[in-house]
Amino acid sequence: MTIEEISLFIESSAATKNDTITKVFYGNKTYYGFFNPSEDYDTLRALNKWRFVPNESSVLFTDDNAKGTTKSYSVILNGNDIVKIELKTFVYTK
């Protein structure tokens, strides 16, 4: 996907919130989690690279967010390898 397509999705949706699940089709893999626009967002964006927190790391990310040590829980995805992005929201029922 292009820089414009991905940044538009990130900047205009809940894709960066950890109460939603973003599904990223990346080559032959599928990632679930959320985008993390940290302080290196503009640098990575210029290279069509994106910081993404996989679902399995989201609890650790949230716990360490206040400490500023959250980058170790994220992966950098190359936008050229992203095929499609979907947003899933939680629906709570009783």
N, C-alpha and C. Protein backbone atom coordinates (compact mmCIF):
# COMPACT_ATOMS: atom_id res chain seq x y z
N MET A 1 0.84 -1.17 0.00
CA MET A 1 0.00 0.00 0.00
C MET A 1 0.89 1.24 0.00
N THR A 2 0.35 2.34 -0.39
CA THR A 2 1.12 3.58 -0.47
C THR A 2 1.14 4.30 0.89
N ILE A 3 2.07 5.24 1.01
CA ILE A 3 2.17 6.06 2.21
C ILE A 3 0.85 6.77 2.47
N GLU A 4 0.27 7.33 1.44
CA GLU A 4 -0.96 8.09 1.58
C GLU A 4 -2.11 7.21 2.06
N GLU A 5 -2.24 6.01 1.49
CA GLU A 5 -3.32 5.10 1.89
C GLU A 5 -3.21 4.70 3.36
N ILE A 6 -2.01 4.35 3.77
CA ILE A 6 -1.81 3.90 5.15
C ILE A 6 -1.94 5.05 6.13
N SER A 7 -1.32 6.19 5.84
CA SER A 7 -1.39 7.31 6.78
C SER A 7 -2.83 7.83 6.89
N LEU A 8 -3.57 7.83 5.81
CA LEU A 8 -4.97 8.24 5.86
C LEU A 8 -5.76 7.32 6.78
N PHE A 9 -5.52 6.03 6.67
CA PHE A 9 -6.18 5.07 7.54
C PHE A 9 -5.82 5.31 9.00
N ILE A 10 -4.55 5.47 9.29
CA ILE A 10 -4.09 5.66 10.67
C ILE A 10 -4.62 6.97 11.25
N GLU A 11 -4.53 8.03 10.48
CA GLU A 11 -4.87 9.36 11.00
C GLU A 11 -6.37 9.62 11.04
N SER A 12 -7.17 8.82 10.34
CA SER A 12 -8.60 9.09 10.31
C SER A 12 -9.43 7.98 10.95
N SER A 13 -8.80 7.09 11.68
CA SER A 13 -9.56 5.98 12.27
C SER A 13 -9.09 5.70 13.68
N ALA A 14 -9.67 4.68 14.25
CA ALA A 14 -9.30 4.24 15.59
C ALA A 14 -8.17 3.23 15.54
N ALA A 15 -7.42 3.19 14.46
CA ALA A 15 -6.39 2.17 14.28
C ALA A 15 -5.24 2.29 15.27
N THR A 16 -5.14 3.42 15.96
CA THR A 16 -4.07 3.60 16.92
C THR A 16 -4.52 3.39 18.35
N LYS A 17 -5.77 3.08 18.55
CA LYS A 17 -6.29 2.88 19.90
C LYS A 17 -6.22 1.40 20.25
N ASN A 18 -5.85 1.12 21.50
CA ASN A 18 -5.72 -0.29 21.86
C ASN A 18 -7.04 -0.90 22.33
N ASP A 19 -8.18 -0.23 22.09
CA ASP A 19 -9.47 -0.85 22.34
C ASP A 19 -10.12 -1.32 21.03
N THR A 20 -9.37 -1.23 19.96
CA THR A 20 -9.81 -1.77 18.67
C THR A 20 -8.73 -2.72 18.16
N ILE A 21 -9.10 -3.55 17.25
CA ILE A 21 -8.14 -4.47 16.65
C ILE A 21 -8.00 -4.12 15.17
N THR A 22 -6.78 -3.90 14.75
CA THR A 22 -6.50 -3.67 13.35
C THR A 22 -5.96 -4.97 12.78
N LYS A 23 -6.51 -5.39 11.67
CA LYS A 23 -6.08 -6.61 10.98
C LYS A 23 -5.29 -6.18 9.76
N VAL A 24 -4.02 -6.55 9.72
CA VAL A 24 -3.13 -6.17 8.63
C VAL A 24 -2.73 -7.41 7.86
N PHE A 25 -3.04 -7.42 6.58
CA PHE A 25 -2.61 -8.50 5.70
C PHE A 25 -1.26 -8.10 5.15
N TYR A 26 -0.23 -8.80 5.56
CA TYR A 26 1.15 -8.43 5.28
C TYR A 26 1.84 -9.57 4.56
N GLY A 27 1.95 -9.45 3.26
CA GLY A 27 2.51 -10.56 2.49
C GLY A 27 1.66 -11.80 2.69
N ASN A 28 2.27 -12.85 3.22
CA ASN A 28 1.51 -14.08 3.48
C ASN A 28 1.16 -14.24 4.96
N LYS A 29 1.32 -13.18 5.76
CA LYS A 29 0.99 -13.20 7.19
C LYS A 29 -0.18 -12.26 7.46
N THR A 30 -0.84 -12.49 8.58
CA THR A 30 -1.88 -11.59 9.05
C THR A 30 -1.53 -11.17 10.48
N TYR A 31 -1.47 -9.87 10.71
CA TYR A 31 -1.19 -9.33 12.04
C TYR A 31 -2.46 -8.74 12.62
N TYR A 32 -2.65 -8.93 13.92
CA TYR A 32 -3.73 -8.31 14.66
C TYR A 32 -3.09 -7.43 15.73
N GLY A 33 -3.59 -6.21 15.90
CA GLY A 33 -3.04 -5.31 16.90
C GLY A 33 -3.46 -3.89 16.61
N PHE A 34 -2.52 -2.94 16.81
CA PHE A 34 -2.83 -1.55 16.52
C PHE A 34 -1.56 -0.80 16.14
N PHE A 35 -1.73 0.24 15.34
CA PHE A 35 -0.61 1.08 14.93
C PHE A 35 -0.22 1.99 16.09
N ASN A 36 1.08 2.22 16.25
CA ASN A 36 1.59 3.06 17.32
C ASN A 36 2.35 4.24 16.72
N PRO A 37 1.69 5.38 16.56
CA PRO A 37 2.38 6.55 16.00
C PRO A 37 3.25 7.23 17.07
N SER A 38 4.42 6.68 17.34
CA SER A 38 5.32 7.22 18.35
C SER A 38 6.11 8.39 17.79
N GLU A 39 7.12 8.83 18.52
CA GLU A 39 7.87 10.03 18.11
C GLU A 39 8.61 9.86 16.79
N ASP A 40 8.81 8.64 16.34
CA ASP A 40 9.49 8.42 15.06
C ASP A 40 8.50 8.25 13.90
N TYR A 41 7.24 8.60 14.12
CA TYR A 41 6.19 8.42 13.11
C TYR A 41 6.55 9.09 11.78
N ASP A 42 6.96 10.37 11.82
CA ASP A 42 7.24 11.10 10.58
C ASP A 42 8.44 10.50 9.83
N THR A 43 9.45 10.08 10.57
CA THR A 43 10.63 9.46 9.96
C THR A 43 10.27 8.15 9.28
N LEU A 44 9.53 7.31 10.00
CA LEU A 44 9.11 6.03 9.42
C LEU A 44 8.14 6.23 8.27
N ARG A 45 7.21 7.17 8.42
CA ARG A 45 6.21 7.43 7.38
C ARG A 45 6.89 7.80 6.06
N ALA A 46 7.94 8.59 6.12
CA ALA A 46 8.65 9.00 4.90
C ALA A 46 9.24 7.80 4.16
N LEU A 47 9.51 6.72 4.90
CA LEU A 47 10.08 5.50 4.31
C LEU A 47 9.02 4.44 4.02
N ASN A 48 7.73 4.80 4.23
CA ASN A 48 6.62 3.87 4.11
C ASN A 48 6.81 2.67 5.04
N LYS A 49 7.21 2.99 6.28
CA LYS A 49 7.36 1.98 7.34
C LYS A 49 6.48 2.43 8.50
N TRP A 50 5.93 1.44 9.23
CA TRP A 50 4.90 1.73 10.21
C TRP A 50 5.11 0.91 11.47
N ARG A 51 5.06 1.58 12.63
CA ARG A 51 5.22 0.89 13.91
C ARG A 51 3.86 0.29 14.30
N PHE A 52 3.86 -1.01 14.57
CA PHE A 52 2.65 -1.77 14.83
C PHE A 52 2.85 -2.61 16.08
N VAL A 53 1.89 -2.58 16.99
CA VAL A 53 1.95 -3.39 18.21
C VAL A 53 1.05 -4.61 18.01
N PRO A 54 1.66 -5.80 17.90
CA PRO A 54 0.84 -7.01 17.73
C PRO A 54 -0.02 -7.26 18.97
N ASN A 55 -1.17 -7.87 18.76
CA ASN A 55 -2.11 -8.12 19.84
C ASN A 55 -1.46 -8.83 21.02
N GLU A 56 -0.59 -9.79 20.74
CA GLU A 56 0.02 -10.56 21.84
C GLU A 56 0.95 -9.71 22.71
N SER A 57 1.34 -8.54 22.24
CA SER A 57 2.19 -7.64 23.02
C SER A 57 1.43 -6.45 23.58
N SER A 58 0.14 -6.37 23.34
CA SER A 58 -0.60 -5.16 23.71
C SER A 58 -0.68 -4.94 25.21
N VAL A 59 -0.78 -6.00 26.01
CA VAL A 59 -0.84 -5.83 27.46
C VAL A 59 0.48 -5.31 27.99
N LEU A 60 1.58 -5.88 27.52
CA LEU A 60 2.90 -5.39 27.93
C LEU A 60 3.12 -3.95 27.48
N PHE A 61 2.67 -3.64 26.28
CA PHE A 61 2.78 -2.28 25.76
C PHE A 61 2.02 -1.31 26.65
N THR A 62 0.80 -1.64 26.99
CA THR A 62 -0.03 -0.78 27.83
C THR A 62 0.59 -0.60 29.21
N ASP A 63 1.11 -1.69 29.80
CA ASP A 63 1.73 -1.62 31.13
C ASP A 63 2.97 -0.74 31.14
N ASP A 64 3.76 -0.78 30.07
CA ASP A 64 5.01 -0.03 30.02
C ASP A 64 4.88 1.32 29.33
N ASN A 65 3.71 1.69 28.88
CA ASN A 65 3.52 2.93 28.13
C ASN A 65 3.99 4.14 28.94
N ALA A 66 3.72 4.16 30.22
CA ALA A 66 4.11 5.29 31.06
C ALA A 66 5.63 5.37 31.24
N LYS A 67 6.31 4.24 31.10
CA LYS A 67 7.76 4.22 31.29
C LYS A 67 8.53 4.66 30.05
N GLY A 68 7.87 4.73 28.91
CA GLY A 68 8.54 5.12 27.68
C GLY A 68 9.38 4.02 27.07
N THR A 69 9.12 2.78 27.45
CA THR A 69 9.90 1.64 26.94
C THR A 69 9.07 0.74 26.03
N THR A 70 8.13 1.33 25.34
CA THR A 70 7.16 0.52 24.59
C THR A 70 7.64 0.07 23.21
N LYS A 71 8.72 0.65 22.70
CA LYS A 71 9.14 0.29 21.34
C LYS A 71 9.53 -1.18 21.21
N SER A 72 9.97 -1.79 22.30
CA SER A 72 10.38 -3.19 22.23
C SER A 72 9.20 -4.13 21.98
N TYR A 73 7.98 -3.64 22.16
CA TYR A 73 6.80 -4.47 21.95
C TYR A 73 6.19 -4.29 20.57
N SER A 74 6.79 -3.47 19.75
CA SER A 74 6.24 -3.21 18.43
C SER A 74 7.13 -3.80 17.35
N VAL A 75 6.55 -3.91 16.15
CA VAL A 75 7.29 -4.34 14.97
C VAL A 75 7.17 -3.22 13.94
N ILE A 76 8.14 -3.16 13.04
CA ILE A 76 8.09 -2.19 11.95
C ILE A 76 7.64 -2.94 10.70
N LEU A 77 6.52 -2.49 10.13
CA LEU A 77 6.00 -3.10 8.91
C LEU A 77 6.34 -2.22 7.72
N ASN A 78 6.76 -2.86 6.64
CA ASN A 78 7.04 -2.15 5.40
C ASN A 78 5.71 -1.98 4.66
N GLY A 79 5.34 -0.75 4.39
CA GLY A 79 4.07 -0.47 3.73
C GLY A 79 3.94 -1.11 2.36
N ASN A 80 5.05 -1.31 1.66
CA ASN A 80 5.00 -1.95 0.35
C ASN A 80 4.52 -3.39 0.43
N ASP A 81 4.68 -4.02 1.62
CA ASP A 81 4.27 -5.40 1.79
C ASP A 81 2.87 -5.54 2.40
N ILE A 82 2.26 -4.41 2.77
CA ILE A 82 0.90 -4.46 3.31
C ILE A 82 -0.08 -4.54 2.15
N VAL A 83 -0.88 -5.58 2.17
CA VAL A 83 -1.82 -5.83 1.09
C VAL A 83 -3.16 -5.15 1.39
N LYS A 84 -3.59 -5.21 2.66
CA LYS A 84 -4.90 -4.69 3.03
C LYS A 84 -4.92 -4.46 4.53
N ILE A 85 -5.72 -3.48 4.97
CA ILE A 85 -5.90 -3.19 6.40
C ILE A 85 -7.39 -3.16 6.69
N GLU A 86 -7.80 -3.83 7.76
CA GLU A 86 -9.18 -3.80 8.21
C GLU A 86 -9.22 -3.38 9.67
N LEU A 87 -10.29 -2.74 10.07
CA LEU A 87 -10.46 -2.32 11.45
C LEU A 87 -11.60 -3.12 12.08
N LYS A 88 -11.32 -3.71 13.22
CA LYS A 88 -12.32 -4.48 13.94
C LYS A 88 -12.58 -3.77 15.26
N THR A 89 -13.83 -3.55 15.61
CA THR A 89 -14.16 -2.94 16.89
C THR A 89 -14.82 -4.00 17.78
N PHE A 90 -14.66 -3.80 19.07
CA PHE A 90 -15.25 -4.73 20.03
C PHE A 90 -16.73 -4.44 20.19
N VAL A 91 -17.49 -5.49 20.30
CA VAL A 91 -18.91 -5.37 20.61
C VAL A 91 -19.15 -6.19 21.88
N TYR A 92 -19.54 -5.50 22.94
CA TYR A 92 -19.78 -6.17 24.21
C TYR A 92 -21.27 -6.48 24.35
N THR A 93 -21.55 -7.71 24.69
CA THR A 93 -22.94 -8.11 24.91
C THR A 93 -23.01 -8.88 26.22
N LYS A 94 -24.20 -8.91 26.79
CA LYS A 94 -24.41 -9.71 28.02
C LYS A 94 -25.22 -10.93 27.72
